[in-house]
Protein backbone atom coordinates (compact mmCIF):
# COMPACT_ATOMS: atom_id res chain seq x y z
CA UNK A 1 104.81 122.81 82.69
CA UNK A 2 102.68 123.21 85.59
CA UNK A 3 102.51 120.01 87.94
CA UNK A 4 100.06 120.39 90.60
CA UNK A 5 98.34 117.95 93.20
CA UNK A 6 95.25 118.00 95.70
CA UNK A 7 93.49 115.70 98.01
CA UNK A 8 90.15 116.37 96.97
CA UNK A 9 88.67 114.53 100.05
CA UNK A 10 85.74 112.42 97.14
CA UNK A 11 85.85 113.16 93.59
CA UNK A 12 82.01 112.90 93.21
CA UNK A 13 81.68 115.79 95.52
CA UNK A 14 84.32 117.66 94.51
CA UNK A 15 84.25 117.24 90.82
CA UNK A 16 82.33 120.27 89.50
CA UNK A 17 85.15 122.28 91.74
CA UNK A 18 87.90 120.08 90.11
CA UNK A 19 86.84 121.00 86.63
CA UNK A 20 86.54 124.53 87.33
CA UNK A 21 89.91 124.46 88.86
CA UNK A 22 91.50 123.36 85.95
CA UNK A 23 89.69 125.62 83.52
CA UNK A 24 91.27 128.60 85.41
CA UNK A 25 94.93 127.04 86.52
CA UNK A 26 95.36 125.37 82.52
CA UNK A 27 98.19 122.96 84.45
CA UNK A 28 99.71 120.40 82.69
CA UNK A 29 99.11 117.71 85.00
CA UNK A 30 97.26 117.19 88.06
CA UNK A 31 97.64 114.70 90.46
CA UNK A 32 94.51 113.81 92.90
CA UNK A 33 94.30 111.94 96.19
CA UNK A 34 91.67 110.68 98.11
CA UNK A 35 89.39 109.62 95.21
CA UNK A 36 86.82 107.45 97.45
CA UNK A 37 85.22 105.95 94.75
CA UNK A 38 85.49 102.80 92.90
CA UNK A 39 87.46 102.45 89.59
CA UNK A 40 84.00 101.91 87.25
CA UNK A 41 82.84 105.08 88.62
CA UNK A 42 85.84 107.66 87.63
CA UNK A 43 84.72 110.66 85.55
CA UNK A 44 87.18 109.83 82.46
CA UNK A 45 84.45 111.23 80.64
CA UNK A 46 84.34 114.69 81.72
CA UNK A 47 87.91 115.38 81.71
CA UNK A 48 88.38 114.25 78.25
CA UNK A 49 85.79 116.92 77.64
CA UNK A 50 88.54 119.72 78.91
CA UNK A 51 91.32 118.11 77.23
CA UNK A 52 93.02 115.98 80.03
CA UNK A 53 94.05 112.34 79.43
CA UNK A 54 93.47 110.61 82.88
CA UNK A 55 94.85 107.11 84.64
CA UNK A 56 93.43 106.07 87.92
CA UNK A 57 93.40 103.07 91.25
CA UNK A 58 90.13 104.04 92.72
CA UNK A 59 88.74 102.14 95.82
CA UNK A 60 85.36 102.15 97.43
CA UNK A 61 84.58 104.81 100.07
CA UNK A 62 88.55 105.36 100.88
CA UNK A 63 91.45 106.32 99.34
CA UNK A 64 92.09 106.08 95.52
CA UNK A 65 94.79 108.48 93.30
CA UNK A 66 94.54 109.57 89.54
CA UNK A 67 96.57 111.65 87.49
CA UNK A 68 95.22 114.14 84.90
CA UNK A 69 97.48 115.27 82.12
CA UNK A 70 97.39 117.19 78.69
CA UNK A 71 99.37 115.09 76.81
CA UNK A 72 98.96 111.24 76.61
CA UNK A 73 100.72 109.11 79.57
CA UNK A 74 102.50 106.07 79.24
CA UNK A 75 104.11 103.26 81.67
CA UNK A 76 101.70 103.47 83.86
CA UNK A 77 102.56 101.50 87.82
CA UNK A 78 99.72 101.23 90.18
CA UNK A 79 100.55 100.40 93.87
CA UNK A 80 104.45 100.08 95.08
CA UNK A 81 105.78 96.50 93.59
CA UNK A 82 108.22 96.56 96.63
CA UNK A 83 105.11 96.82 99.30
CA UNK A 84 101.62 94.32 99.18
CA UNK A 85 98.84 96.56 99.62
CA UNK A 86 94.96 96.39 99.05
CA UNK A 87 95.30 99.99 99.92
CA UNK A 88 95.16 102.50 96.90
CA UNK A 89 97.92 105.07 97.27
CA UNK A 90 100.24 104.93 94.22
CA UNK A 91 99.97 105.60 90.53
CA UNK A 92 103.06 106.48 88.55
CA UNK A 93 103.30 107.70 84.80
CA UNK A 94 105.84 108.43 82.26
CA UNK A 95 105.75 111.66 80.60
CA UNK A 96 108.17 112.41 77.30
CA UNK A 97 109.07 116.46 77.50
CA UNK A 98 112.06 118.32 75.24
CA UNK A 99 114.69 117.24 78.07
CA UNK A 100 113.33 113.05 78.12
CA UNK A 101 111.24 111.30 80.09
CA UNK A 102 109.67 112.49 83.12
CA UNK A 103 108.37 110.36 85.81
CA UNK A 104 105.79 111.39 87.88
CA UNK A 105 104.54 109.26 90.98
CA UNK A 106 101.22 110.28 92.67
CA UNK A 107 101.12 109.20 96.41
CA UNK A 108 98.67 109.19 99.31
CA UNK A 109 100.05 108.34 102.34
CA UNK A 110 98.48 106.90 105.65
CA UNK A 111 97.66 109.28 107.90
CA UNK A 112 98.81 107.35 111.08
CA UNK A 113 95.37 107.99 113.14
CA UNK A 114 97.81 108.20 116.65
CA UNK A 115 101.09 106.82 117.92
CA UNK A 116 101.53 103.71 118.53
CA UNK A 117 98.36 102.19 116.80
CA UNK A 118 98.16 99.95 114.31
CA UNK A 119 97.66 102.39 111.61
CA UNK A 120 100.64 104.12 112.58
CA UNK A 121 103.16 100.65 112.43
CA UNK A 122 101.31 100.71 108.96
CA UNK A 123 102.28 104.06 108.07
CA UNK A 124 106.15 103.43 109.02
CA UNK A 125 106.06 100.42 107.00
CA UNK A 126 104.41 102.07 103.99
CA UNK A 127 107.26 105.09 104.10
CA UNK A 128 109.87 101.97 103.97
CA UNK A 129 108.64 100.48 100.91
CA UNK A 130 108.02 103.51 99.25
CA UNK A 131 111.19 104.86 99.62
CA UNK A 132 112.85 101.52 98.15
CA UNK A 133 110.78 101.91 95.34
CA UNK A 134 111.88 105.72 95.37
CA UNK A 135 115.60 104.43 95.19
CA UNK A 136 114.33 102.17 92.03
CA UNK A 137 112.84 104.83 90.06
CA UNK A 138 115.42 107.49 90.78
CA UNK A 139 118.36 105.11 89.58
CA UNK A 140 115.47 104.85 85.96
CA UNK A 141 114.42 108.17 85.84
CA UNK A 142 116.68 111.16 86.47
CA UNK A 143 113.59 113.62 85.98
CA UNK A 144 111.25 112.26 88.49
CA UNK A 145 108.37 114.21 90.69
CA UNK A 146 107.17 112.20 93.95
CA UNK A 147 103.82 114.41 94.58
CA UNK A 148 100.58 114.15 96.86
CA UNK A 149 99.70 113.90 100.48
CA UNK A 150 102.23 112.98 102.59
CA UNK A 151 100.51 113.51 105.62
CA UNK A 152 104.16 114.95 107.09
CA UNK A 153 104.48 118.07 107.84
CA UNK A 154 108.53 117.87 107.79
CA UNK A 155 109.27 120.75 109.94
CA UNK A 156 107.89 123.21 112.73
CA UNK A 157 107.66 125.96 109.69
CA UNK A 158 104.94 124.06 108.26
CA UNK A 159 102.93 123.67 111.55
CA UNK A 160 100.62 126.30 113.41
CA UNK A 161 101.39 127.00 116.53
CA UNK A 162 97.83 126.02 117.43
CA UNK A 163 98.61 122.19 116.32
CA UNK A 164 98.34 120.36 119.10
CA UNK A 165 98.14 117.15 117.87
CA UNK A 166 101.18 114.83 117.74
CA UNK A 167 100.19 112.83 114.76
CA UNK A 168 101.80 113.79 111.16
CA UNK A 169 104.79 116.01 112.97
CA UNK A 170 106.44 112.68 115.17
CA UNK A 171 110.11 112.27 114.54
CA UNK A 172 109.64 108.90 112.92
CA UNK A 173 107.46 110.53 110.63
CA UNK A 174 109.53 113.29 109.86
CA UNK A 175 112.54 110.65 109.62
CA UNK A 176 110.69 109.04 106.61
CA UNK A 177 110.19 112.48 104.95
CA UNK A 178 113.89 113.31 105.52
CA UNK A 179 114.84 109.57 104.27
CA UNK A 180 112.88 110.49 100.52
CA UNK A 181 115.02 113.70 100.79
CA UNK A 182 118.40 112.08 101.07
CA UNK A 183 117.71 109.89 98.17
CA UNK A 184 118.26 112.87 96.03
CA UNK A 185 115.00 114.48 96.51
CA UNK A 186 114.22 118.26 96.96
CA UNK A 187 110.97 120.00 98.36
CA UNK A 188 110.49 122.49 95.93
CA UNK A 189 108.52 124.69 98.19
CA UNK A 190 111.50 125.70 99.86
CA UNK A 191 113.58 126.33 97.26
CA UNK A 192 111.84 129.58 97.34
CA UNK A 193 111.05 132.58 99.76
CA UNK A 194 107.68 131.78 101.03
CA UNK A 195 104.99 133.84 103.18
CA UNK A 196 105.64 132.44 106.68
CA UNK A 197 102.40 130.37 107.65
CA UNK A 198 101.57 128.54 104.35
CA UNK A 199 100.12 125.31 104.41
CA UNK A 200 98.14 123.16 102.41
CA UNK A 201 95.15 121.58 104.79
CA UNK A 202 93.41 123.29 107.42
CA UNK A 203 90.38 120.94 109.68
CA UNK A 204 87.10 121.23 108.82
CA UNK A 205 86.46 122.08 112.82
CA UNK A 206 87.26 125.28 114.99
CA UNK A 207 87.39 127.64 111.79
CA UNK A 208 90.70 126.04 110.94
CA UNK A 209 90.73 128.08 107.79
CA UNK A 210 89.57 131.22 108.63
CA UNK A 211 92.16 131.01 111.67
CA UNK A 212 94.97 130.32 109.24
CA UNK A 213 95.82 127.30 112.06
CA UNK A 214 96.88 124.42 109.33
CA UNK A 215 99.92 122.15 108.47
CA UNK A 216 101.54 122.08 105.13
CA UNK A 217 101.14 118.67 104.38
CA UNK A 218 100.75 118.20 100.45
CA UNK A 219 104.30 118.43 98.59
CA UNK A 220 106.61 118.62 95.46
CA UNK A 221 109.25 116.66 95.67
CA UNK A 222 111.46 117.00 92.60
CA UNK A 223 114.74 115.24 91.86
CA UNK A 224 118.25 116.78 91.32
CA UNK A 225 118.56 116.98 87.50
CA UNK A 226 114.82 118.67 87.74
CA UNK A 227 115.96 121.30 90.38
CA UNK A 228 117.71 123.78 87.62
CA UNK A 229 114.82 123.75 86.05
CA UNK A 230 112.38 124.68 89.22
CA UNK A 231 110.99 128.58 88.52
CA UNK A 232 108.18 128.28 90.94
CA UNK A 233 106.46 126.21 93.98
CA UNK A 234 103.56 127.61 94.94
CA UNK A 235 99.91 127.00 97.32
CA UNK A 236 96.88 127.99 96.01
CA UNK A 237 94.81 128.42 98.61
CA UNK A 238 91.28 130.36 96.53
CA UNK A 239 89.36 126.60 96.41
CA UNK A 240 89.76 125.97 100.65
CA UNK A 241 87.73 129.17 100.33
CA UNK A 242 85.04 127.75 97.93
CA UNK A 243 81.60 125.47 99.09
CA UNK A 244 81.83 122.46 100.57
CA UNK A 245 85.57 122.47 99.79
CA UNK A 246 88.48 119.71 100.35
CA UNK A 247 90.30 120.32 103.56
CA UNK A 248 93.22 120.47 101.01
CA UNK A 249 94.34 123.03 98.95
CA UNK A 250 96.56 122.57 95.38
CA UNK A 251 99.86 122.94 95.48
CA UNK A 252 102.16 123.62 92.05
CA UNK A 253 105.38 123.32 90.52
CA UNK A 254 106.68 125.16 87.72
CA UNK A 255 109.38 123.31 85.71
CA UNK A 256 111.00 124.72 82.55
CA UNK A 257 110.30 122.01 80.82
CA UNK A 258 107.79 121.34 77.50
CA UNK A 259 105.71 118.32 76.95
CA UNK A 260 106.17 116.42 73.39
CA UNK A 261 104.01 113.82 72.24
């Protein structure tokens, strides 16, 4: 089973690219972030035509998350019950597999804007709520994938040397990421030998992608029960080179699981 995550930075703009990528990659599940569209405008039929079921939660102009799957999804959860939030940043589903129920949680974590700002405080509180939710979910679902745009580069190896900001890499942000791992999750990308300077996001400005001056802030975290079944974790940089791309590119994990219906 291939599970992917992609912050598309406006699904209305990037829909043809998402369709093309799905047709090429044939992933079993694709988690999307930053839909930037209201729920009633979600292009469900476009995904149905190429064989994907969809669940989503949209929001005008900002945020929005969705999960696409080749097989039906159950037990849909929209937003974190442990954090009251008007912003649409979390959606979770169950998939039936040959190794039991698989819980997939798709998140678009707050950016934080700048250290000390109200948005940074919101990010810290949002992560506290996320930790409570994930701890609860892990107790119910041994097989769990937490994925999305975390807006945190967890280690210096995930940051280009030319990056001059302090947001996304501050110690409190990284502590929140480590707190998720401490619950029993694993950064699937770091389970394998990877090329140096492997990133998932590049600024549109100053030729960030051409210079490979990026950050790895899109992650696929897997539970301990899934670790023995993880066979690969990669970043597909190709869509970032397309015309009018998202500033993020898809990240993919491969698990030795088979979906059932």
